[in-house]
Amino acid sequence: MKTINLKLNHMKKLVAIALVAIFSIPLLQAQESMFNLGDKVVCLGIGLGSTLYSGSYYTRGFPPVSLSYNQAVKDDILEKGVIGIIGSVGYSSYKYDYLGWGYRYTNIFFGGGGTFHYPVLDKLDTYVGLMLGYNIVTANEFGTPTGWDYSSSSSRFVFVSFVGARYYFSEQFAAFAQLGYGISYFTFGVCIKL
């Protein structure tokens, strides 16, 4: 229960940050937008910090990786803002090992939602977003059971909120960093505009 409350508190903080960012937008001097109506962007990322598992007996297997697709669908919001739709898939694996017994978990996440982009600096695409997704969890037990009754099933719907930025080195290529509550707390990687 404590873990759920901690995760809810993290999500509430991220939503509060996103709302402050959105309402602060009219105060900023608008720059040239790097994400415009009709643009399609594909990003490949790697994550740091688990939102899925925590505790002294958990170790990370395969680091969280994600692939996302973002398309601009409405522009001229608050002068230069753009609304986009996003779809994302992610994968990670973890191991719970208690004295030689435990589970190997794999997580496959997929989801969709919306993003709001607003330019604050040249060559920088800053955004906030929300997604609804589903986390498919598989668990394989290993070792000798301790006799304790554990449930290894935790597949569920998840709500994802995030803030991020893409820095464009050219018209087509960008690096991105994203903070939020998804498959990891911090994700970074590369993007290509199609």
N, C-alpha and C. Protein backbone atom coordinates (compact mmCIF):
# COMPACT_ATOMS: atom_id res chain seq x y z
N MET A 1 0.82 -1.20 0.00
CA MET A 1 0.00 0.00 0.00
C MET A 1 0.87 1.26 0.00
N LYS A 2 1.99 1.19 0.74
CA LYS A 2 2.90 2.33 0.81
C LYS A 2 3.46 2.66 -0.57
N THR A 3 3.81 1.61 -1.36
CA THR A 3 4.34 1.81 -2.71
C THR A 3 3.31 2.49 -3.60
N ILE A 4 2.06 2.08 -3.51
CA ILE A 4 1.00 2.69 -4.32
C ILE A 4 0.85 4.15 -3.96
N ASN A 5 0.86 4.48 -2.65
CA ASN A 5 0.74 5.88 -2.23
C ASN A 5 1.92 6.71 -2.72
N LEU A 6 3.15 6.14 -2.68
CA LEU A 6 4.31 6.87 -3.18
C LEU A 6 4.18 7.14 -4.67
N LYS A 7 3.71 6.14 -5.42
CA LYS A 7 3.55 6.32 -6.87
C LYS A 7 2.46 7.34 -7.17
N LEU A 8 1.38 7.33 -6.41
CA LEU A 8 0.33 8.34 -6.61
C LEU A 8 0.84 9.74 -6.29
N ASN A 9 1.65 9.86 -5.24
CA ASN A 9 2.23 11.16 -4.92
C ASN A 9 3.15 11.66 -6.02
N HIS A 10 3.96 10.77 -6.61
CA HIS A 10 4.81 11.15 -7.73
C HIS A 10 3.97 11.63 -8.92
N MET A 11 2.88 10.90 -9.20
CA MET A 11 2.03 11.26 -10.32
C MET A 11 1.37 12.62 -10.07
N LYS A 12 0.92 12.87 -8.85
CA LYS A 12 0.29 14.16 -8.53
C LYS A 12 1.28 15.30 -8.71
N LYS A 13 2.53 15.10 -8.30
CA LYS A 13 3.56 16.13 -8.46
C LYS A 13 3.81 16.43 -9.94
N LEU A 14 3.88 15.38 -10.76
CA LEU A 14 4.13 15.58 -12.19
C LEU A 14 2.96 16.30 -12.87
N VAL A 15 1.75 15.95 -12.49
CA VAL A 15 0.58 16.64 -13.05
C VAL A 15 0.60 18.12 -12.63
N ALA A 16 0.96 18.40 -11.38
CA ALA A 16 1.04 19.79 -10.91
C ALA A 16 2.10 20.56 -11.69
N ILE A 17 3.25 19.95 -11.94
CA ILE A 17 4.30 20.60 -12.73
C ILE A 17 3.81 20.88 -14.14
N ALA A 18 3.13 19.91 -14.74
CA ALA A 18 2.61 20.08 -16.10
C ALA A 18 1.60 21.23 -16.15
N LEU A 19 0.71 21.31 -15.16
CA LEU A 19 -0.29 22.39 -15.15
C LEU A 19 0.36 23.75 -14.98
N VAL A 20 1.36 23.84 -14.10
CA VAL A 20 2.09 25.11 -13.94
C VAL A 20 2.76 25.50 -15.25
N ALA A 21 3.36 24.52 -15.92
CA ALA A 21 4.01 24.80 -17.20
C ALA A 21 3.01 25.30 -18.24
N ILE A 22 1.86 24.66 -18.31
CA ILE A 22 0.84 25.06 -19.30
C ILE A 22 0.34 26.48 -19.04
N PHE A 23 0.04 26.80 -17.77
CA PHE A 23 -0.49 28.12 -17.46
C PHE A 23 0.58 29.20 -17.49
N SER A 24 1.85 28.83 -17.48
CA SER A 24 2.93 29.81 -17.60
C SER A 24 3.26 30.13 -19.05
N ILE A 25 2.74 29.33 -19.96
CA ILE A 25 3.08 29.50 -21.38
C ILE A 25 2.78 30.89 -21.92
N PRO A 26 1.62 31.49 -21.63
CA PRO A 26 1.36 32.82 -22.18
C PRO A 26 2.36 33.88 -21.73
N LEU A 27 3.09 33.64 -20.65
CA LEU A 27 4.06 34.61 -20.16
C LEU A 27 5.39 34.52 -20.90
N LEU A 28 5.60 33.45 -21.64
CA LEU A 28 6.85 33.24 -22.34
C LEU A 28 6.84 33.88 -23.72
N GLN A 29 8.00 34.32 -24.15
CA GLN A 29 8.15 34.84 -25.52
C GLN A 29 8.22 33.63 -26.46
N ALA A 30 7.29 33.55 -27.38
CA ALA A 30 7.22 32.39 -28.28
C ALA A 30 8.37 32.41 -29.29
N GLN A 31 8.97 31.24 -29.50
CA GLN A 31 10.01 31.05 -30.50
C GLN A 31 9.41 30.30 -31.67
N GLU A 32 10.21 30.05 -32.68
CA GLU A 32 9.75 29.30 -33.85
C GLU A 32 9.52 27.84 -33.44
N SER A 33 8.38 27.29 -33.79
CA SER A 33 8.01 25.94 -33.40
C SER A 33 8.79 24.90 -34.21
N MET A 34 9.24 23.86 -33.52
CA MET A 34 9.92 22.74 -34.18
C MET A 34 8.96 21.57 -34.41
N PHE A 35 7.73 21.70 -33.93
CA PHE A 35 6.71 20.66 -34.10
C PHE A 35 5.48 21.35 -34.65
N ASN A 36 5.20 21.12 -35.94
CA ASN A 36 4.14 21.83 -36.63
C ASN A 36 3.08 20.87 -37.16
N LEU A 37 1.92 21.42 -37.48
CA LEU A 37 0.79 20.64 -37.97
C LEU A 37 1.23 19.66 -39.05
N GLY A 38 0.90 18.38 -38.85
CA GLY A 38 1.25 17.34 -39.82
C GLY A 38 2.58 16.66 -39.55
N ASP A 39 3.43 17.23 -38.70
CA ASP A 39 4.73 16.61 -38.41
C ASP A 39 4.52 15.25 -37.74
N LYS A 40 5.39 14.31 -38.10
CA LYS A 40 5.38 12.97 -37.52
C LYS A 40 6.78 12.69 -36.99
N VAL A 41 6.88 12.33 -35.71
CA VAL A 41 8.17 12.12 -35.07
C VAL A 41 8.20 10.75 -34.40
N VAL A 42 9.27 10.00 -34.65
CA VAL A 42 9.49 8.70 -34.03
C VAL A 42 10.70 8.83 -33.10
N CYS A 43 10.54 8.36 -31.85
CA CYS A 43 11.63 8.46 -30.86
C CYS A 43 11.94 7.09 -30.28
N LEU A 44 13.23 6.83 -30.08
CA LEU A 44 13.71 5.63 -29.43
C LEU A 44 14.43 6.05 -28.16
N GLY A 45 14.00 5.51 -27.00
CA GLY A 45 14.58 5.95 -25.75
C GLY A 45 14.99 4.82 -24.83
N ILE A 46 15.83 5.17 -23.87
CA ILE A 46 16.24 4.25 -22.81
C ILE A 46 15.97 4.95 -21.48
N GLY A 47 15.51 4.19 -20.50
CA GLY A 47 15.06 4.79 -19.25
C GLY A 47 15.99 4.53 -18.07
N LEU A 48 15.88 5.42 -17.10
CA LEU A 48 16.59 5.30 -15.82
C LEU A 48 15.58 5.46 -14.70
N GLY A 49 15.70 4.65 -13.67
CA GLY A 49 14.79 4.76 -12.53
C GLY A 49 13.49 4.03 -12.79
N SER A 50 13.19 3.03 -11.99
CA SER A 50 12.01 2.21 -12.21
C SER A 50 10.78 2.77 -11.53
N THR A 51 9.69 2.86 -12.26
CA THR A 51 8.39 3.18 -11.67
C THR A 51 7.63 1.89 -11.37
N LEU A 52 8.20 0.75 -11.77
CA LEU A 52 7.50 -0.52 -11.65
C LEU A 52 7.89 -1.31 -10.42
N TYR A 53 9.18 -1.35 -10.09
CA TYR A 53 9.65 -2.18 -8.99
C TYR A 53 10.63 -1.38 -8.13
N SER A 54 10.53 -1.56 -6.84
CA SER A 54 11.48 -0.96 -5.93
C SER A 54 11.60 -1.83 -4.69
N GLY A 55 12.69 -1.72 -4.04
CA GLY A 55 12.92 -2.52 -2.84
C GLY A 55 14.29 -3.15 -2.87
N SER A 56 14.70 -3.67 -1.74
CA SER A 56 16.07 -4.16 -1.61
C SER A 56 16.31 -5.48 -2.34
N TYR A 57 15.30 -6.23 -2.71
CA TYR A 57 15.51 -7.51 -3.36
C TYR A 57 15.31 -7.46 -4.88
N TYR A 58 15.05 -6.29 -5.43
CA TYR A 58 14.86 -6.15 -6.87
C TYR A 58 16.14 -5.70 -7.55
N THR A 59 16.42 -6.30 -8.70
CA THR A 59 17.53 -5.85 -9.55
C THR A 59 17.01 -5.75 -10.97
N ARG A 60 17.57 -4.81 -11.71
CA ARG A 60 17.13 -4.61 -13.09
C ARG A 60 17.80 -5.62 -14.00
N GLY A 61 17.04 -6.16 -14.92
CA GLY A 61 17.58 -7.04 -15.95
C GLY A 61 17.87 -6.18 -17.18
N PHE A 62 16.95 -6.20 -18.12
CA PHE A 62 17.07 -5.38 -19.34
C PHE A 62 16.57 -3.98 -19.01
N PRO A 63 17.33 -2.94 -19.33
CA PRO A 63 16.88 -1.59 -18.99
C PRO A 63 15.61 -1.21 -19.75
N PRO A 64 14.81 -0.30 -19.19
CA PRO A 64 13.58 0.13 -19.88
C PRO A 64 13.91 0.79 -21.22
N VAL A 65 13.30 0.29 -22.29
CA VAL A 65 13.44 0.90 -23.61
C VAL A 65 12.04 1.23 -24.13
N SER A 66 11.96 2.27 -24.94
CA SER A 66 10.65 2.67 -25.47
C SER A 66 10.78 3.16 -26.90
N LEU A 67 9.69 3.00 -27.63
CA LEU A 67 9.56 3.51 -28.99
C LEU A 67 8.24 4.26 -29.03
N SER A 68 8.27 5.52 -29.48
CA SER A 68 7.04 6.32 -29.52
C SER A 68 6.87 6.99 -30.88
N TYR A 69 5.62 7.26 -31.19
CA TYR A 69 5.24 7.98 -32.41
C TYR A 69 4.36 9.15 -32.00
N ASN A 70 4.74 10.36 -32.43
CA ASN A 70 4.01 11.57 -32.07
C ASN A 70 3.66 12.33 -33.36
N GLN A 71 2.38 12.70 -33.53
CA GLN A 71 1.96 13.44 -34.72
C GLN A 71 1.19 14.68 -34.31
N ALA A 72 1.53 15.81 -34.93
CA ALA A 72 0.86 17.08 -34.66
C ALA A 72 -0.49 17.09 -35.38
N VAL A 73 -1.57 17.39 -34.63
CA VAL A 73 -2.92 17.36 -35.22
C VAL A 73 -3.66 18.69 -35.15
N LYS A 74 -3.22 19.63 -34.31
CA LYS A 74 -3.89 20.92 -34.18
C LYS A 74 -2.86 21.97 -33.78
N ASP A 75 -2.84 23.07 -34.53
CA ASP A 75 -1.88 24.13 -34.20
C ASP A 75 -2.59 25.42 -33.80
N ASP A 76 -1.82 26.48 -33.60
CA ASP A 76 -2.32 27.80 -33.19
C ASP A 76 -3.06 27.76 -31.86
N ILE A 77 -2.60 26.97 -30.92
CA ILE A 77 -3.14 26.93 -29.57
C ILE A 77 -2.27 27.86 -28.72
N LEU A 78 -2.90 28.85 -28.05
CA LEU A 78 -2.14 29.85 -27.27
C LEU A 78 -1.02 30.45 -28.12
N GLU A 79 -1.35 30.87 -29.30
CA GLU A 79 -0.48 31.51 -30.27
C GLU A 79 0.37 30.53 -31.08
N LYS A 80 1.34 29.84 -30.46
CA LYS A 80 2.23 28.95 -31.20
C LYS A 80 2.19 27.51 -30.70
N GLY A 81 1.25 27.17 -29.84
CA GLY A 81 1.18 25.82 -29.30
C GLY A 81 0.60 24.83 -30.29
N VAL A 82 0.96 23.58 -30.11
CA VAL A 82 0.52 22.50 -31.00
C VAL A 82 0.06 21.31 -30.15
N ILE A 83 -1.07 20.73 -30.52
CA ILE A 83 -1.55 19.52 -29.87
C ILE A 83 -1.18 18.33 -30.76
N GLY A 84 -0.69 17.28 -30.12
CA GLY A 84 -0.31 16.08 -30.85
C GLY A 84 -0.95 14.84 -30.24
N ILE A 85 -0.95 13.77 -31.01
CA ILE A 85 -1.34 12.47 -30.49
C ILE A 85 -0.07 11.63 -30.38
N ILE A 86 -0.06 10.72 -29.42
CA ILE A 86 1.14 9.91 -29.21
C ILE A 86 0.75 8.46 -28.96
N GLY A 87 1.57 7.57 -29.49
CA GLY A 87 1.47 6.15 -29.21
C GLY A 87 2.84 5.66 -28.78
N SER A 88 2.87 4.74 -27.83
CA SER A 88 4.17 4.31 -27.30
C SER A 88 4.13 2.84 -26.92
N VAL A 89 5.27 2.16 -27.10
CA VAL A 89 5.47 0.81 -26.60
C VAL A 89 6.78 0.81 -25.83
N GLY A 90 6.84 -0.03 -24.80
CA GLY A 90 8.06 -0.10 -24.00
C GLY A 90 8.28 -1.50 -23.47
N TYR A 91 9.52 -1.77 -23.08
CA TYR A 91 9.89 -3.08 -22.56
C TYR A 91 10.91 -2.91 -21.44
N SER A 92 10.79 -3.72 -20.39
CA SER A 92 11.81 -3.77 -19.35
C SER A 92 11.72 -5.12 -18.65
N SER A 93 12.79 -5.47 -17.93
CA SER A 93 12.74 -6.71 -17.14
C SER A 93 13.44 -6.48 -15.80
N TYR A 94 12.94 -7.19 -14.79
CA TYR A 94 13.47 -7.08 -13.44
C TYR A 94 13.49 -8.45 -12.80
N LYS A 95 14.27 -8.57 -11.73
CA LYS A 95 14.37 -9.82 -11.01
C LYS A 95 14.16 -9.54 -9.52
N TYR A 96 13.32 -10.36 -8.90
CA TYR A 96 13.14 -10.33 -7.45
C TYR A 96 13.80 -11.58 -6.91
N ASP A 97 14.83 -11.42 -6.09
CA ASP A 97 15.59 -12.56 -5.57
C ASP A 97 15.67 -12.47 -4.05
N TYR A 98 14.99 -13.41 -3.38
CA TYR A 98 15.02 -13.47 -1.93
C TYR A 98 15.66 -14.80 -1.53
N LEU A 99 16.93 -14.77 -1.16
CA LEU A 99 17.67 -15.95 -0.70
C LEU A 99 17.61 -17.10 -1.71
N GLY A 100 17.78 -16.75 -3.00
CA GLY A 100 17.82 -17.77 -4.04
C GLY A 100 16.48 -18.16 -4.63
N TRP A 101 15.41 -17.57 -4.13
CA TRP A 101 14.09 -17.82 -4.68
C TRP A 101 13.48 -16.50 -5.11
N GLY A 102 12.70 -16.53 -6.19
CA GLY A 102 12.03 -15.31 -6.61
C GLY A 102 11.40 -15.42 -7.98
N TYR A 103 11.26 -14.25 -8.60
CA TYR A 103 10.62 -14.15 -9.91
C TYR A 103 11.47 -13.31 -10.85
N ARG A 104 11.43 -13.67 -12.14
CA ARG A 104 11.97 -12.83 -13.21
C ARG A 104 10.75 -12.23 -13.91
N TYR A 105 10.68 -10.91 -13.89
CA TYR A 105 9.53 -10.20 -14.47
C TYR A 105 9.92 -9.57 -15.81
N THR A 106 9.01 -9.64 -16.77
CA THR A 106 9.14 -8.85 -17.98
C THR A 106 7.89 -7.98 -18.10
N ASN A 107 8.08 -6.77 -18.56
CA ASN A 107 6.98 -5.81 -18.71
C ASN A 107 6.95 -5.31 -20.13
N ILE A 108 5.79 -5.39 -20.74
CA ILE A 108 5.57 -4.81 -22.05
C ILE A 108 4.45 -3.79 -21.88
N PHE A 109 4.77 -2.54 -22.17
CA PHE A 109 3.81 -1.45 -22.02
C PHE A 109 3.40 -0.96 -23.41
N PHE A 110 2.12 -0.68 -23.59
CA PHE A 110 1.68 0.03 -24.79
C PHE A 110 0.57 0.99 -24.38
N GLY A 111 0.54 2.14 -25.04
CA GLY A 111 -0.46 3.13 -24.68
C GLY A 111 -0.57 4.23 -25.72
N GLY A 112 -1.55 5.09 -25.51
CA GLY A 112 -1.78 6.22 -26.40
C GLY A 112 -2.34 7.39 -25.63
N GLY A 113 -2.17 8.57 -26.20
CA GLY A 113 -2.67 9.77 -25.53
C GLY A 113 -2.40 11.03 -26.32
N GLY A 114 -2.21 12.12 -25.60
CA GLY A 114 -2.03 13.41 -26.23
C GLY A 114 -0.84 14.17 -25.67
N THR A 115 -0.34 15.10 -26.47
CA THR A 115 0.77 15.96 -26.06
C THR A 115 0.43 17.41 -26.38
N PHE A 116 1.01 18.32 -25.62
CA PHE A 116 0.90 19.74 -25.91
C PHE A 116 2.31 20.30 -26.00
N HIS A 117 2.63 20.90 -27.16
CA HIS A 117 3.97 21.41 -27.45
C HIS A 117 3.92 22.93 -27.52
N TYR A 118 4.94 23.56 -26.93
CA TYR A 118 5.03 25.02 -27.01
C TYR A 118 6.50 25.41 -27.05
N PRO A 119 6.90 26.19 -28.07
CA PRO A 119 8.31 26.54 -28.20
C PRO A 119 8.72 27.64 -27.22
N VAL A 120 9.83 27.39 -26.50
CA VAL A 120 10.36 28.41 -25.59
C VAL A 120 11.77 28.84 -25.97
N LEU A 121 12.49 28.01 -26.71
CA LEU A 121 13.83 28.33 -27.21
C LEU A 121 13.96 27.82 -28.63
N ASP A 122 14.82 28.47 -29.42
CA ASP A 122 15.06 28.00 -30.78
C ASP A 122 15.60 26.58 -30.77
N LYS A 123 15.16 25.77 -31.72
CA LYS A 123 15.56 24.38 -31.92
C LYS A 123 15.11 23.44 -30.80
N LEU A 124 14.31 23.94 -29.86
CA LEU A 124 13.87 23.11 -28.75
C LEU A 124 12.35 22.95 -28.79
N ASP A 125 11.92 21.70 -28.83
CA ASP A 125 10.49 21.37 -28.80
C ASP A 125 10.15 20.91 -27.38
N THR A 126 9.51 21.77 -26.60
CA THR A 126 9.14 21.43 -25.23
C THR A 126 7.68 20.99 -25.20
N TYR A 127 7.37 20.00 -24.33
CA TYR A 127 6.03 19.44 -24.35
C TYR A 127 5.66 18.84 -22.99
N VAL A 128 4.36 18.65 -22.83
CA VAL A 128 3.78 17.89 -21.71
C VAL A 128 2.82 16.89 -22.32
N GLY A 129 2.56 15.80 -21.62
CA GLY A 129 1.68 14.80 -22.20
C GLY A 129 1.03 13.91 -21.17
N LEU A 130 -0.04 13.26 -21.61
CA LEU A 130 -0.78 12.28 -20.82
C LEU A 130 -1.08 11.08 -21.70
N MET A 131 -0.98 9.89 -21.12
CA MET A 131 -1.30 8.66 -21.85
C MET A 131 -2.04 7.69 -20.95
N LEU A 132 -2.87 6.89 -21.55
CA LEU A 132 -3.48 5.75 -20.88
C LEU A 132 -2.91 4.52 -21.56
N GLY A 133 -2.40 3.58 -20.76
CA GLY A 133 -1.78 2.41 -21.35
C GLY A 133 -2.07 1.16 -20.57
N TYR A 134 -1.48 0.07 -21.03
CA TYR A 134 -1.63 -1.20 -20.35
C TYR A 134 -0.25 -1.83 -20.21
N ASN A 135 0.07 -2.27 -19.01
CA ASN A 135 1.34 -2.91 -18.72
C ASN A 135 1.10 -4.41 -18.60
N ILE A 136 1.65 -5.18 -19.56
CA ILE A 136 1.53 -6.63 -19.54
C ILE A 136 2.74 -7.19 -18.80
N VAL A 137 2.47 -7.90 -17.71
CA VAL A 137 3.53 -8.44 -16.87
C VAL A 137 3.53 -9.95 -16.96
N THR A 138 4.70 -10.53 -17.21
CA THR A 138 4.86 -11.98 -17.12
C THR A 138 5.91 -12.26 -16.05
N ALA A 139 5.72 -13.31 -15.30
CA ALA A 139 6.64 -13.65 -14.22
C ALA A 139 6.98 -15.12 -14.28
N ASN A 140 8.26 -15.42 -14.15
CA ASN A 140 8.73 -16.81 -14.09
C ASN A 140 9.42 -17.03 -12.76
N GLU A 141 8.93 -18.00 -12.01
CA GLU A 141 9.50 -18.30 -10.70
C GLU A 141 10.79 -19.10 -10.87
N PHE A 142 11.75 -18.85 -9.97
CA PHE A 142 12.97 -19.64 -9.95
C PHE A 142 13.33 -19.97 -8.49
N GLY A 143 14.18 -20.97 -8.31
CA GLY A 143 14.63 -21.35 -6.96
C GLY A 143 13.61 -22.22 -6.24
N THR A 144 13.87 -22.45 -4.97
CA THR A 144 12.99 -23.26 -4.12
C THR A 144 12.02 -22.34 -3.38
N PRO A 145 10.72 -22.56 -3.54
CA PRO A 145 9.75 -21.70 -2.86
C PRO A 145 9.94 -21.72 -1.35
N THR A 146 9.68 -20.58 -0.72
CA THR A 146 9.85 -20.44 0.73
C THR A 146 8.62 -20.86 1.49
N GLY A 147 7.52 -21.15 0.81
CA GLY A 147 6.28 -21.50 1.47
C GLY A 147 5.36 -20.31 1.65
N TRP A 148 5.86 -19.11 1.37
CA TRP A 148 5.02 -17.92 1.45
C TRP A 148 4.15 -17.85 0.21
N ASP A 149 2.98 -17.32 0.34
CA ASP A 149 2.03 -17.24 -0.77
C ASP A 149 2.17 -15.87 -1.44
N TYR A 150 2.80 -15.84 -2.61
CA TYR A 150 2.97 -14.60 -3.35
C TYR A 150 2.17 -14.67 -4.65
N SER A 151 1.59 -13.58 -5.04
CA SER A 151 0.94 -13.48 -6.34
C SER A 151 1.91 -12.81 -7.30
N SER A 152 2.12 -13.40 -8.46
CA SER A 152 3.07 -12.84 -9.42
C SER A 152 2.38 -12.09 -10.56
N SER A 153 1.08 -11.97 -10.51
CA SER A 153 0.35 -11.29 -11.58
C SER A 153 0.08 -9.84 -11.21
N SER A 154 0.47 -8.93 -12.09
CA SER A 154 0.20 -7.52 -11.83
C SER A 154 -0.04 -6.74 -13.12
N SER A 155 -0.46 -7.40 -14.20
CA SER A 155 -0.81 -6.69 -15.42
C SER A 155 -1.96 -5.74 -15.11
N ARG A 156 -1.90 -4.52 -15.66
CA ARG A 156 -2.92 -3.54 -15.31
C ARG A 156 -2.88 -2.34 -16.25
N PHE A 157 -3.98 -1.56 -16.21
CA PHE A 157 -4.01 -0.28 -16.90
C PHE A 157 -3.18 0.72 -16.09
N VAL A 158 -2.49 1.61 -16.80
CA VAL A 158 -1.68 2.62 -16.12
C VAL A 158 -1.93 3.99 -16.74
N PHE A 159 -1.84 5.00 -15.91
CA PHE A 159 -1.96 6.40 -16.33
C PHE A 159 -0.56 6.99 -16.34
N VAL A 160 -0.16 7.60 -17.45
CA VAL A 160 1.20 8.11 -17.62
C VAL A 160 1.14 9.62 -17.85
N SER A 161 1.93 10.37 -17.09
CA SER A 161 2.07 11.81 -17.31
C SER A 161 3.56 12.11 -17.47
N PHE A 162 3.89 13.09 -18.30
CA PHE A 162 5.30 13.37 -18.56
C PHE A 162 5.50 14.80 -19.05
N VAL A 163 6.72 15.29 -18.88
CA VAL A 163 7.19 16.56 -19.46
C VAL A 163 8.50 16.25 -20.16
N GLY A 164 8.77 16.95 -21.24
CA GLY A 164 10.00 16.65 -21.96
C GLY A 164 10.39 17.72 -22.95
N ALA A 165 11.51 17.47 -23.60
CA ALA A 165 12.02 18.40 -24.61
C ALA A 165 12.83 17.62 -25.64
N ARG A 166 12.74 18.09 -26.88
CA ARG A 166 13.55 17.55 -27.97
C ARG A 166 14.41 18.69 -28.51
N TYR A 167 15.70 18.45 -28.60
CA TYR A 167 16.60 19.45 -29.19
C TYR A 167 16.97 18.99 -30.59
N TYR A 168 16.67 19.83 -31.58
CA TYR A 168 16.89 19.47 -32.99
C TYR A 168 18.26 19.94 -33.45
N PHE A 169 19.10 18.98 -33.84
CA PHE A 169 20.40 19.28 -34.41
C PHE A 169 20.28 19.62 -35.89
N SER A 170 19.20 19.12 -36.52
CA SER A 170 18.88 19.43 -37.91
C SER A 170 17.37 19.42 -38.02
N GLU A 171 16.84 19.62 -39.20
CA GLU A 171 15.38 19.62 -39.38
C GLU A 171 14.77 18.25 -39.08
N GLN A 172 15.55 17.18 -39.23
CA GLN A 172 15.02 15.84 -39.09
C GLN A 172 15.48 15.09 -37.84
N PHE A 173 16.59 15.48 -37.23
CA PHE A 173 17.20 14.68 -36.16
C PHE A 173 17.24 15.46 -34.85
N ALA A 174 16.82 14.79 -33.76
CA ALA A 174 16.80 15.44 -32.44
C ALA A 174 17.21 14.45 -31.35
N ALA A 175 17.67 14.99 -30.24
CA ALA A 175 17.87 14.22 -29.01
C ALA A 175 16.75 14.65 -28.06
N PHE A 176 16.29 13.73 -27.22
CA PHE A 176 15.22 14.10 -26.30
C PHE A 176 15.51 13.63 -24.88
N ALA A 177 14.88 14.30 -23.93
CA ALA A 177 14.90 13.91 -22.52
C ALA A 177 13.49 14.10 -21.99
N GLN A 178 13.04 13.16 -21.18
CA GLN A 178 11.65 13.19 -20.71
C GLN A 178 11.60 12.72 -19.26
N LEU A 179 10.86 13.44 -18.45
CA LEU A 179 10.67 13.12 -17.04
C LEU A 179 9.20 12.80 -16.83
N GLY A 180 8.91 11.69 -16.18
CA GLY A 180 7.51 11.37 -15.97
C GLY A 180 7.30 10.02 -15.34
N TYR A 181 6.05 9.65 -15.27
CA TYR A 181 5.66 8.41 -14.65
C TYR A 181 5.21 7.46 -15.74
N GLY A 182 6.14 6.68 -16.28
CA GLY A 182 5.84 5.71 -17.33
C GLY A 182 6.58 4.43 -17.02
N ILE A 183 7.31 3.91 -17.99
CA ILE A 183 8.10 2.70 -17.77
C ILE A 183 9.35 3.02 -16.97
N SER A 184 9.73 4.31 -16.90
CA SER A 184 10.83 4.78 -16.06
C SER A 184 10.56 6.24 -15.70
N TYR A 185 11.30 6.74 -14.69
CA TYR A 185 11.12 8.13 -14.28
C TYR A 185 11.79 9.10 -15.24
N PHE A 186 12.92 8.69 -15.83
CA PHE A 186 13.67 9.55 -16.75
C PHE A 186 14.01 8.75 -17.99
N THR A 187 13.69 9.30 -19.16
CA THR A 187 13.97 8.65 -20.43
C THR A 187 14.72 9.62 -21.33
N PHE A 188 15.71 9.13 -22.04
CA PHE A 188 16.44 9.95 -23.00
C PHE A 188 16.72 9.11 -24.24
N GLY A 189 16.96 9.79 -25.36
CA GLY A 189 17.22 9.07 -26.59
C GLY A 189 17.24 9.97 -27.80
N VAL A 190 16.90 9.41 -28.95
CA VAL A 190 16.95 10.14 -30.22
C VAL A 190 15.60 10.10 -30.91
N CYS A 191 15.35 11.12 -31.74
CA CYS A 191 14.10 11.22 -32.49
C CYS A 191 14.41 11.53 -33.95
N ILE A 192 13.55 11.05 -34.83
CA ILE A 192 13.64 11.37 -36.25
C ILE A 192 12.28 11.88 -36.71
N LYS A 193 12.29 13.02 -37.38
CA LYS A 193 11.06 13.57 -37.96
C LYS A 193 10.89 12.95 -39.33
N LEU A 194 9.74 12.32 -39.56
CA LEU A 194 9.47 11.63 -40.84
C LEU A 194 9.01 12.60 -41.90
